[in-house]
Amino acid sequence: MPIRRLRIVKISPSPVIGICDCCNAEFKSDKHPGDDTEKEIAAAFDAHECKLVDGSQNALGIPRKSTSDR
Protein backbone atom coordinates (compact mmCIF):
# COMPACT_ATOMS: atom_id res chain seq x y z
CA MET A 1 0.00 0.00 0.00
CA PRO A 2 1.41 3.43 -0.91
CA ILE A 3 2.43 5.79 1.83
CA ARG A 4 -0.16 8.50 2.44
CA ARG A 5 0.96 12.02 3.26
CA LEU A 6 -1.08 15.11 4.02
CA ARG A 7 0.00 18.33 2.32
CA ILE A 8 -1.35 21.55 3.89
CA VAL A 9 -1.92 24.43 1.47
CA LYS A 10 -2.53 27.92 2.83
CA ILE A 11 -4.01 30.33 0.33
CA SER A 12 -4.70 33.83 1.64
CA PRO A 13 -7.41 34.92 2.36
CA SER A 14 -9.08 31.58 1.62
CA PRO A 15 -9.34 28.85 4.24
CA VAL A 16 -6.67 26.23 4.73
CA ILE A 17 -6.86 23.17 2.45
CA GLY A 18 -5.26 19.76 2.97
CA ILE A 19 -4.49 17.41 0.08
CA CYS A 20 -3.71 13.70 0.23
CA ASP A 21 -0.57 13.06 -1.85
CA CYS A 22 -1.71 9.53 -2.59
CA CYS A 23 -5.25 10.03 -3.97
CA ASN A 24 -5.50 13.86 -4.29
CA ALA A 25 -8.50 14.02 -1.96
CA GLU A 26 -9.09 17.55 -0.61
CA PHE A 27 -9.92 18.44 2.98
CA LYS A 28 -11.18 21.89 3.97
CA SER A 29 -11.85 23.46 7.31
CA ASP A 30 -14.87 25.58 8.19
CA LYS A 31 -12.88 27.41 10.84
CA HIS A 32 -10.88 30.57 10.27
CA PRO A 33 -7.12 30.06 9.86
CA GLY A 34 -5.39 29.85 13.21
CA ASP A 35 -8.35 28.21 15.00
CA ASP A 36 -6.86 24.70 15.01
CA THR A 37 -7.73 24.30 11.32
CA GLU A 38 -4.74 22.05 10.69
CA LYS A 39 -5.83 19.67 13.47
CA GLU A 40 -9.35 19.46 11.98
CA ILE A 41 -7.96 18.76 8.52
CA ALA A 42 -5.51 16.17 9.89
CA ALA A 43 -8.38 14.37 11.65
CA ALA A 44 -10.40 14.26 8.40
CA PHE A 45 -7.31 12.99 6.55
CA ASP A 46 -6.73 10.22 9.10
CA ALA A 47 -10.38 9.12 8.79
CA HIS A 48 -10.45 8.88 4.99
CA GLU A 49 -9.62 5.86 2.84
CA CYS A 50 -7.71 6.44 -0.39
CA LYS A 51 -9.55 5.45 -3.55
CA LEU A 52 -6.85 4.80 -6.10
CA VAL A 53 -7.47 4.43 -9.81
CA ASP A 54 -6.09 1.22 -11.24
CA GLY A 55 -3.24 2.23 -13.54
CA SER A 56 -3.80 -0.78 -15.77
CA GLN A 57 -7.23 0.49 -16.78
CA ASN A 58 -7.45 2.88 -19.68
CA ALA A 59 -8.94 6.13 -18.39
CA LEU A 60 -10.41 7.03 -21.79
CA GLY A 61 -12.13 3.70 -22.27
CA ILE A 62 -10.43 3.10 -25.62
CA PRO A 63 -9.63 -0.57 -26.09
CA ARG A 64 -6.06 -1.45 -26.96
CA LYS A 65 -5.24 -3.01 -30.29
CA SER A 66 -4.58 -6.68 -29.89
CA THR A 67 -1.05 -7.86 -30.63
CA SER A 68 -1.91 -11.55 -30.41
CA ASP A 69 -2.87 -11.79 -34.12
CA ARG A 70 0.67 -11.08 -35.33
PDB file of N, CA and C in Angstrom:
ATOM      1  N   MET A   1       0.841  -1.175   0.000  1.00  0.00           N
ATOM      2  CA  MET A   1       0.000   0.000   0.000  1.00  0.00           C
ATOM      3  C   MET A   1       0.888   1.239   0.000  1.00  0.00           C
ATOM      4  N   PRO A   2       0.585   2.233  -0.851  1.00  0.00           N
ATOM      5  CA  PRO A   2       1.409   3.431  -0.909  1.00  0.00           C
ATOM      6  C   PRO A   2       1.334   4.236   0.389  1.00  0.00           C
ATOM      7  N   ILE A   3       2.382   4.959   0.639  1.00  0.00           N
ATOM      8  CA  ILE A   3       2.435   5.791   1.834  1.00  0.00           C
ATOM      9  C   ILE A   3       1.599   7.040   1.599  1.00  0.00           C
ATOM     10  N   ARG A   4       0.685   7.311   2.536  1.00  0.00           N
ATOM     11  CA  ARG A   4      -0.157   8.501   2.442  1.00  0.00           C
ATOM     12  C   ARG A   4       0.508   9.647   3.192  1.00  0.00           C
ATOM     13  N   ARG A   5       0.459  10.823   2.585  1.00  0.00           N
ATOM     14  CA  ARG A   5       0.962  12.018   3.258  1.00  0.00           C
ATOM     15  C   ARG A   5      -0.041  13.134   3.060  1.00  0.00           C
ATOM     16  N   LEU A   6      -0.201  13.960   4.076  1.00  0.00           N
ATOM     17  CA  LEU A   6      -1.082  15.114   4.020  1.00  0.00           C
ATOM     18  C   LEU A   6      -0.256  16.341   3.709  1.00  0.00           C
ATOM     19  N   ARG A   7      -0.671  17.074   2.685  1.00  0.00           N
ATOM     20  CA  ARG A   7      -0.004  18.325   2.321  1.00  0.00           C
ATOM     21  C   ARG A   7      -0.959  19.468   2.644  1.00  0.00           C
ATOM     22  N   ILE A   8      -0.533  20.404   3.493  1.00  0.00           N
ATOM     23  CA  ILE A   8      -1.348  21.553   3.886  1.00  0.00           C
ATOM     24  C   ILE A   8      -1.023  22.713   2.955  1.00  0.00           C
ATOM     25  N   VAL A   9      -2.083  23.308   2.382  1.00  0.00           N
ATOM     26  CA  VAL A   9      -1.923  24.434   1.470  1.00  0.00           C
ATOM     27  C   VAL A   9      -2.647  25.620   2.084  1.00  0.00           C
ATOM     28  N   LYS A  10      -1.929  26.711   2.277  1.00  0.00           N
ATOM     29  CA  LYS A  10      -2.534  27.919   2.834  1.00  0.00           C
ATOM     30  C   LYS A  10      -2.590  28.973   1.738  1.00  0.00           C
ATOM     31  N   ILE A  11      -3.812  29.320   1.363  1.00  0.00           N
ATOM     32  CA  ILE A  11      -4.009  30.328   0.330  1.00  0.00           C
ATOM     33  C   ILE A  11      -4.730  31.505   0.969  1.00  0.00           C
ATOM     34  N   SER A  12      -4.089  32.643   1.029  1.00  0.00           N
ATOM     35  CA  SER A  12      -4.702  33.826   1.639  1.00  0.00           C
ATOM     36  C   SER A  12      -5.648  34.470   0.657  1.00  0.00           C
ATOM     37  N   PRO A  13      -6.749  34.987   1.048  1.00  0.00           N
ATOM     38  CA  PRO A  13      -7.407  34.917   2.360  1.00  0.00           C
ATOM     39  C   PRO A  13      -8.325  33.714   2.493  1.00  0.00           C
ATOM     40  N   SER A  14      -8.232  32.774   1.581  1.00  0.00           N
ATOM     41  CA  SER A  14      -9.083  31.582   1.615  1.00  0.00           C
ATOM     42  C   SER A  14      -8.742  30.701   2.805  1.00  0.00           C
ATOM     43  N   PRO A  15      -9.644  29.778   3.140  1.00  0.00           N
ATOM     44  CA  PRO A  15      -9.341  28.852   4.240  1.00  0.00           C
ATOM     45  C   PRO A  15      -8.209  27.899   3.886  1.00  0.00           C
ATOM     46  N   VAL A  16      -7.761  27.200   4.878  1.00  0.00           N
ATOM     47  CA  VAL A  16      -6.674  26.228   4.728  1.00  0.00           C
ATOM     48  C   VAL A  16      -7.231  24.966   4.068  1.00  0.00           C
ATOM     49  N   ILE A  17      -6.454  24.383   3.148  1.00  0.00           N
ATOM     50  CA  ILE A  17      -6.858  23.174   2.451  1.00  0.00           C
ATOM     51  C   ILE A  17      -5.772  22.125   2.647  1.00  0.00           C
ATOM     52  N   GLY A  18      -6.188  20.878   2.880  1.00  0.00           N
ATOM     53  CA  GLY A  18      -5.264  19.760   2.972  1.00  0.00           C
ATOM     54  C   GLY A  18      -5.482  18.842   1.784  1.00  0.00           C
ATOM     55  N   ILE A  19      -4.409  18.291   1.236  1.00  0.00           N
ATOM     56  CA  ILE A  19      -4.492  17.413   0.076  1.00  0.00           C
ATOM     57  C   ILE A  19      -3.731  16.131   0.373  1.00  0.00           C
ATOM     58  N   CYS A  20      -4.365  15.006   0.079  1.00  0.00           N
ATOM     59  CA  CYS A  20      -3.714  13.704   0.227  1.00  0.00           C
ATOM     60  C   CYS A  20      -2.807  13.491  -0.984  1.00  0.00           C
ATOM     61  N   ASP A  21      -1.520  13.268  -0.760  1.00  0.00           N
ATOM     62  CA  ASP A  21      -0.574  13.063  -1.852  1.00  0.00           C
ATOM     63  C   ASP A  21      -0.821  11.762  -2.602  1.00  0.00           C
ATOM     64  N   CYS A  22      -1.498  10.828  -1.973  1.00  0.00           N
ATOM     65  CA  CYS A  22      -1.714   9.527  -2.588  1.00  0.00           C
ATOM     66  C   CYS A  22      -2.892   9.529  -3.558  1.00  0.00           C
ATOM     67  N   CYS A  23      -4.040  10.103  -3.145  1.00  0.00           N
ATOM     68  CA  CYS A  23      -5.247  10.032  -3.970  1.00  0.00           C
ATOM     69  C   CYS A  23      -5.789  11.408  -4.367  1.00  0.00           C
ATOM     70  N   ASN A  24      -5.113  12.480  -3.978  1.00  0.00           N
ATOM     71  CA  ASN A  24      -5.498  13.858  -4.289  1.00  0.00           C
ATOM     72  C   ASN A  24      -6.839  14.275  -3.695  1.00  0.00           C
ATOM     73  N   ALA A  25      -7.283  13.614  -2.639  1.00  0.00           N
ATOM     74  CA  ALA A  25      -8.504  14.023  -1.956  1.00  0.00           C
ATOM     75  C   ALA A  25      -8.237  15.353  -1.251  1.00  0.00           C
ATOM     76  N   GLU A  26      -9.239  16.245  -1.238  1.00  0.00           N
ATOM     77  CA  GLU A  26      -9.091  17.553  -0.608  1.00  0.00           C
ATOM     78  C   GLU A  26      -9.870  17.595   0.690  1.00  0.00           C
ATOM     79  N   PHE A  27      -9.295  18.277   1.670  1.00  0.00           N
ATOM     80  CA  PHE A  27      -9.917  18.439   2.976  1.00  0.00           C
ATOM     81  C   PHE A  27      -9.894  19.918   3.311  1.00  0.00           C
ATOM     82  N   LYS A  28     -11.076  20.469   3.642  1.00  0.00           N
ATOM     83  CA  LYS A  28     -11.184  21.891   3.967  1.00  0.00           C
ATOM     84  C   LYS A  28     -11.701  22.034   5.379  1.00  0.00           C
ATOM     85  N   SER A  29     -11.389  23.174   5.970  1.00  0.00           N
ATOM     86  CA  SER A  29     -11.848  23.463   7.314  1.00  0.00           C
ATOM     87  C   SER A  29     -12.848  24.610   7.265  1.00  0.00           C
ATOM     88  N   ASP A  30     -13.880  24.513   8.104  1.00  0.00           N
ATOM     89  CA  ASP A  30     -14.870  25.582   8.187  1.00  0.00           C
ATOM     90  C   ASP A  30     -14.420  26.697   9.129  1.00  0.00           C
ATOM     91  N   LYS A  31     -13.384  26.430   9.882  1.00  0.00           N
ATOM     92  CA  LYS A  31     -12.885  27.412  10.843  1.00  0.00           C
ATOM     93  C   LYS A  31     -11.990  28.428  10.141  1.00  0.00           C
ATOM     94  N   HIS A  32     -11.797  29.558  10.786  1.00  0.00           N
ATOM     95  CA  HIS A  32     -10.881  30.571  10.268  1.00  0.00           C
ATOM     96  C   HIS A  32      -9.451  30.117  10.537  1.00  0.00           C
ATOM     97  N   PRO A  33      -8.517  30.461   9.642  1.00  0.00           N
ATOM     98  CA  PRO A  33      -7.117  30.063   9.856  1.00  0.00           C
ATOM     99  C   PRO A  33      -6.614  30.486  11.239  1.00  0.00           C
ATOM    100  N   GLY A  34      -5.926  29.587  11.876  1.00  0.00           N
ATOM    101  CA  GLY A  34      -5.388  29.850  13.208  1.00  0.00           C
ATOM    102  C   GLY A  34      -6.237  29.255  14.318  1.00  0.00           C
ATOM    103  N   ASP A  35      -7.450  28.793  14.002  1.00  0.00           N
ATOM    104  CA  ASP A  35      -8.345  28.209  15.000  1.00  0.00           C
ATOM    105  C   ASP A  35      -8.273  26.691  14.975  1.00  0.00           C
ATOM    106  N   ASP A  36      -7.086  26.140  15.047  1.00  0.00           N
ATOM    107  CA  ASP A  36      -6.861  24.696  15.008  1.00  0.00           C
ATOM    108  C   ASP A  36      -7.367  24.072  13.708  1.00  0.00           C
ATOM    109  N   THR A  37      -7.272  24.814  12.614  1.00  0.00           N
ATOM    110  CA  THR A  37      -7.735  24.297  11.325  1.00  0.00           C
ATOM    111  C   THR A  37      -6.904  23.101  10.880  1.00  0.00           C
ATOM    112  N   GLU A  38      -5.604  23.154  11.117  1.00  0.00           N
ATOM    113  CA  GLU A  38      -4.743  22.046  10.690  1.00  0.00           C
ATOM    114  C   GLU A  38      -5.070  20.760  11.442  1.00  0.00           C
ATOM    115  N   LYS A  39      -5.456  20.857  12.710  1.00  0.00           N
ATOM    116  CA  LYS A  39      -5.835  19.670  13.471  1.00  0.00           C
ATOM    117  C   LYS A  39      -7.135  19.075  12.926  1.00  0.00           C
ATOM    118  N   GLU A  40      -8.085  19.931  12.541  1.00  0.00           N
ATOM    119  CA  GLU A  40      -9.350  19.464  11.980  1.00  0.00           C
ATOM    120  C   GLU A  40      -9.120  18.766  10.636  1.00  0.00           C
ATOM    121  N   ILE A  41      -8.267  19.348   9.811  1.00  0.00           N
ATOM    122  CA  ILE A  41      -7.956  18.762   8.517  1.00  0.00           C
ATOM    123  C   ILE A  41      -7.201  17.445   8.692  1.00  0.00           C
ATOM    124  N   ALA A  42      -6.272  17.398   9.626  1.00  0.00           N
ATOM    125  CA  ALA A  42      -5.512  16.171   9.888  1.00  0.00           C
ATOM    126  C   ALA A  42      -6.439  15.051  10.368  1.00  0.00           C
ATOM    127  N   ALA A  43      -7.443  15.382  11.177  1.00  0.00           N
ATOM    128  CA  ALA A  43      -8.383  14.375  11.649  1.00  0.00           C
ATOM    129  C   ALA A  43      -9.217  13.824  10.488  1.00  0.00           C
ATOM    130  N   ALA A  44      -9.638  14.696   9.572  1.00  0.00           N
ATOM    131  CA  ALA A  44     -10.396  14.256   8.403  1.00  0.00           C
ATOM    132  C   ALA A  44      -9.523  13.389   7.489  1.00  0.00           C
ATOM    133  N   PHE A  45      -8.251  13.768   7.359  1.00  0.00           N
ATOM    134  CA  PHE A  45      -7.307  12.986   6.546  1.00  0.00           C
ATOM    135  C   PHE A  45      -7.111  11.593   7.135  1.00  0.00           C
ATOM    136  N   ASP A  46      -6.936  11.512   8.447  1.00  0.00           N
ATOM    137  CA  ASP A  46      -6.729  10.219   9.102  1.00  0.00           C
ATOM    138  C   ASP A  46      -7.950   9.309   8.960  1.00  0.00           C
ATOM    139  N   ALA A  47      -9.147   9.903   8.870  1.00  0.00           N
ATOM    140  CA  ALA A  47     -10.377   9.125   8.792  1.00  0.00           C
ATOM    141  C   ALA A  47     -10.687   8.642   7.374  1.00  0.00           C
ATOM    142  N   HIS A  48     -10.085   9.245   6.359  1.00  0.00           N
ATOM    143  CA  HIS A  48     -10.449   8.884   4.986  1.00  0.00           C
ATOM    144  C   HIS A  48      -9.689   7.656   4.506  1.00  0.00           C
ATOM    145  N   GLU A  49     -10.265   6.997   3.496  1.00  0.00           N
ATOM    146  CA  GLU A  49      -9.619   5.856   2.842  1.00  0.00           C
ATOM    147  C   GLU A  49      -9.327   6.259   1.403  1.00  0.00           C
ATOM    148  N   CYS A  50      -8.103   6.076   0.971  1.00  0.00           N
ATOM    149  CA  CYS A  50      -7.714   6.442  -0.391  1.00  0.00           C
ATOM    150  C   CYS A  50      -8.435   5.553  -1.395  1.00  0.00           C
ATOM    151  N   LYS A  51      -8.916   6.163  -2.450  1.00  0.00           N
ATOM    152  CA  LYS A  51      -9.550   5.447  -3.547  1.00  0.00           C
ATOM    153  C   LYS A  51      -8.681   5.654  -4.766  1.00  0.00           C
ATOM    154  N   LEU A  52      -7.797   4.695  -5.003  1.00  0.00           N
ATOM    155  CA  LEU A  52      -6.851   4.804  -6.100  1.00  0.00           C
ATOM    156  C   LEU A  52      -7.454   4.283  -7.397  1.00  0.00           C
ATOM    157  N   VAL A  53      -7.076   4.892  -8.496  1.00  0.00           N
ATOM    158  CA  VAL A  53      -7.472   4.427  -9.815  1.00  0.00           C
ATOM    159  C   VAL A  53      -6.468   3.383 -10.250  1.00  0.00           C
ATOM    160  N   ASP A  54      -6.959   2.285 -10.775  1.00  0.00           N
ATOM    161  CA  ASP A  54      -6.090   1.217 -11.239  1.00  0.00           C
ATOM    162  C   ASP A  54      -5.349   1.686 -12.481  1.00  0.00           C
ATOM    163  N   GLY A  55      -4.047   1.738 -12.428  1.00  0.00           N
ATOM    164  CA  GLY A  55      -3.242   2.228 -13.541  1.00  0.00           C
ATOM    165  C   GLY A  55      -3.292   1.343 -14.766  1.00  0.00           C
ATOM    166  N   SER A  56      -3.731   0.100 -14.616  1.00  0.00           N
ATOM    167  CA  SER A  56      -3.799  -0.784 -15.772  1.00  0.00           C
ATOM    168  C   SER A  56      -5.053  -0.549 -16.603  1.00  0.00           C
ATOM    169  N   GLN A  57      -6.010   0.190 -16.046  1.00  0.00           N
ATOM    170  CA  GLN A  57      -7.226   0.486 -16.785  1.00  0.00           C
ATOM    171  C   GLN A  57      -7.012   1.731 -17.626  1.00  0.00           C
ATOM    172  N   ASN A  58      -7.569   1.724 -18.809  1.00  0.00           N
ATOM    173  CA  ASN A  58      -7.452   2.884 -19.681  1.00  0.00           C
ATOM    174  C   ASN A  58      -8.485   3.913 -19.252  1.00  0.00           C
ATOM    175  N   ALA A  59      -8.043   5.099 -18.885  1.00  0.00           N
ATOM    176  CA  ALA A  59      -8.936   6.130 -18.386  1.00  0.00           C
ATOM    177  C   ALA A  59      -9.906   6.617 -19.451  1.00  0.00           C
ATOM    178  N   LEU A  60      -9.542   6.539 -20.727  1.00  0.00           N
ATOM    179  CA  LEU A  60     -10.410   7.029 -21.788  1.00  0.00           C
ATOM    180  C   LEU A  60     -11.401   5.976 -22.269  1.00  0.00           C
ATOM    181  N   GLY A  61     -11.225   4.752 -21.862  1.00  0.00           N
ATOM    182  CA  GLY A  61     -12.130   3.696 -22.270  1.00  0.00           C
ATOM    183  C   GLY A  61     -11.906   3.215 -23.693  1.00  0.00           C
ATOM    184  N   ILE A  62     -10.752   3.519 -24.266  1.00  0.00           N
ATOM    185  CA  ILE A  62     -10.433   3.096 -25.618  1.00  0.00           C
ATOM    186  C   ILE A  62      -9.728   1.754 -25.541  1.00  0.00           C
ATOM    187  N   PRO A  63     -10.274   0.730 -26.161  1.00  0.00           N
ATOM    188  CA  PRO A  63      -9.626  -0.575 -26.092  1.00  0.00           C
ATOM    189  C   PRO A  63      -8.291  -0.576 -26.832  1.00  0.00           C
ATOM    190  N   ARG A  64      -7.369  -1.338 -26.321  1.00  0.00           N
ATOM    191  CA  ARG A  64      -6.063  -1.450 -26.962  1.00  0.00           C
ATOM    192  C   ARG A  64      -6.145  -2.384 -28.159  1.00  0.00           C
ATOM    193  N   LYS A  65      -5.298  -2.142 -29.118  1.00  0.00           N
ATOM    194  CA  LYS A  65      -5.237  -3.012 -30.293  1.00  0.00           C
ATOM    195  C   LYS A  65      -4.540  -4.299 -29.881  1.00  0.00           C
ATOM    196  N   SER A  66      -5.121  -5.388 -30.245  1.00  0.00           N
ATOM    197  CA  SER A  66      -4.577  -6.675 -29.894  1.00  0.00           C
ATOM    198  C   SER A  66      -3.301  -6.954 -30.678  1.00  0.00           C
ATOM    199  N   THR A  67      -2.310  -7.499 -29.986  1.00  0.00           N
ATOM    200  CA  THR A  67      -1.053  -7.860 -30.632  1.00  0.00           C
ATOM    201  C   THR A  67      -0.940  -9.370 -30.789  1.00  0.00           C
ATOM    202  N   SER A  68      -1.981 -10.090 -30.365  1.00  0.00           N
ATOM    203  CA  SER A  68      -1.908 -11.552 -30.409  1.00  0.00           C
ATOM    204  C   SER A  68      -2.098 -12.100 -31.831  1.00  0.00           C
ATOM    205  N   ASP A  69      -2.620 -11.301 -32.772  1.00  0.00           N
ATOM    206  CA  ASP A  69      -2.873 -11.790 -34.120  1.00  0.00           C
ATOM    207  C   ASP A  69      -1.660 -11.648 -35.039  1.00  0.00           C
ATOM    208  N   ARG A  70      -0.524 -11.251 -34.512  1.00  0.00           N
ATOM    209  CA  ARG A  70       0.673 -11.078 -35.333  1.00  0.00           C
ATOM    210  C   ARG A  70       1.437 -12.337 -35.488  1.00  0.00           C
TER     211      ARG A  70
END
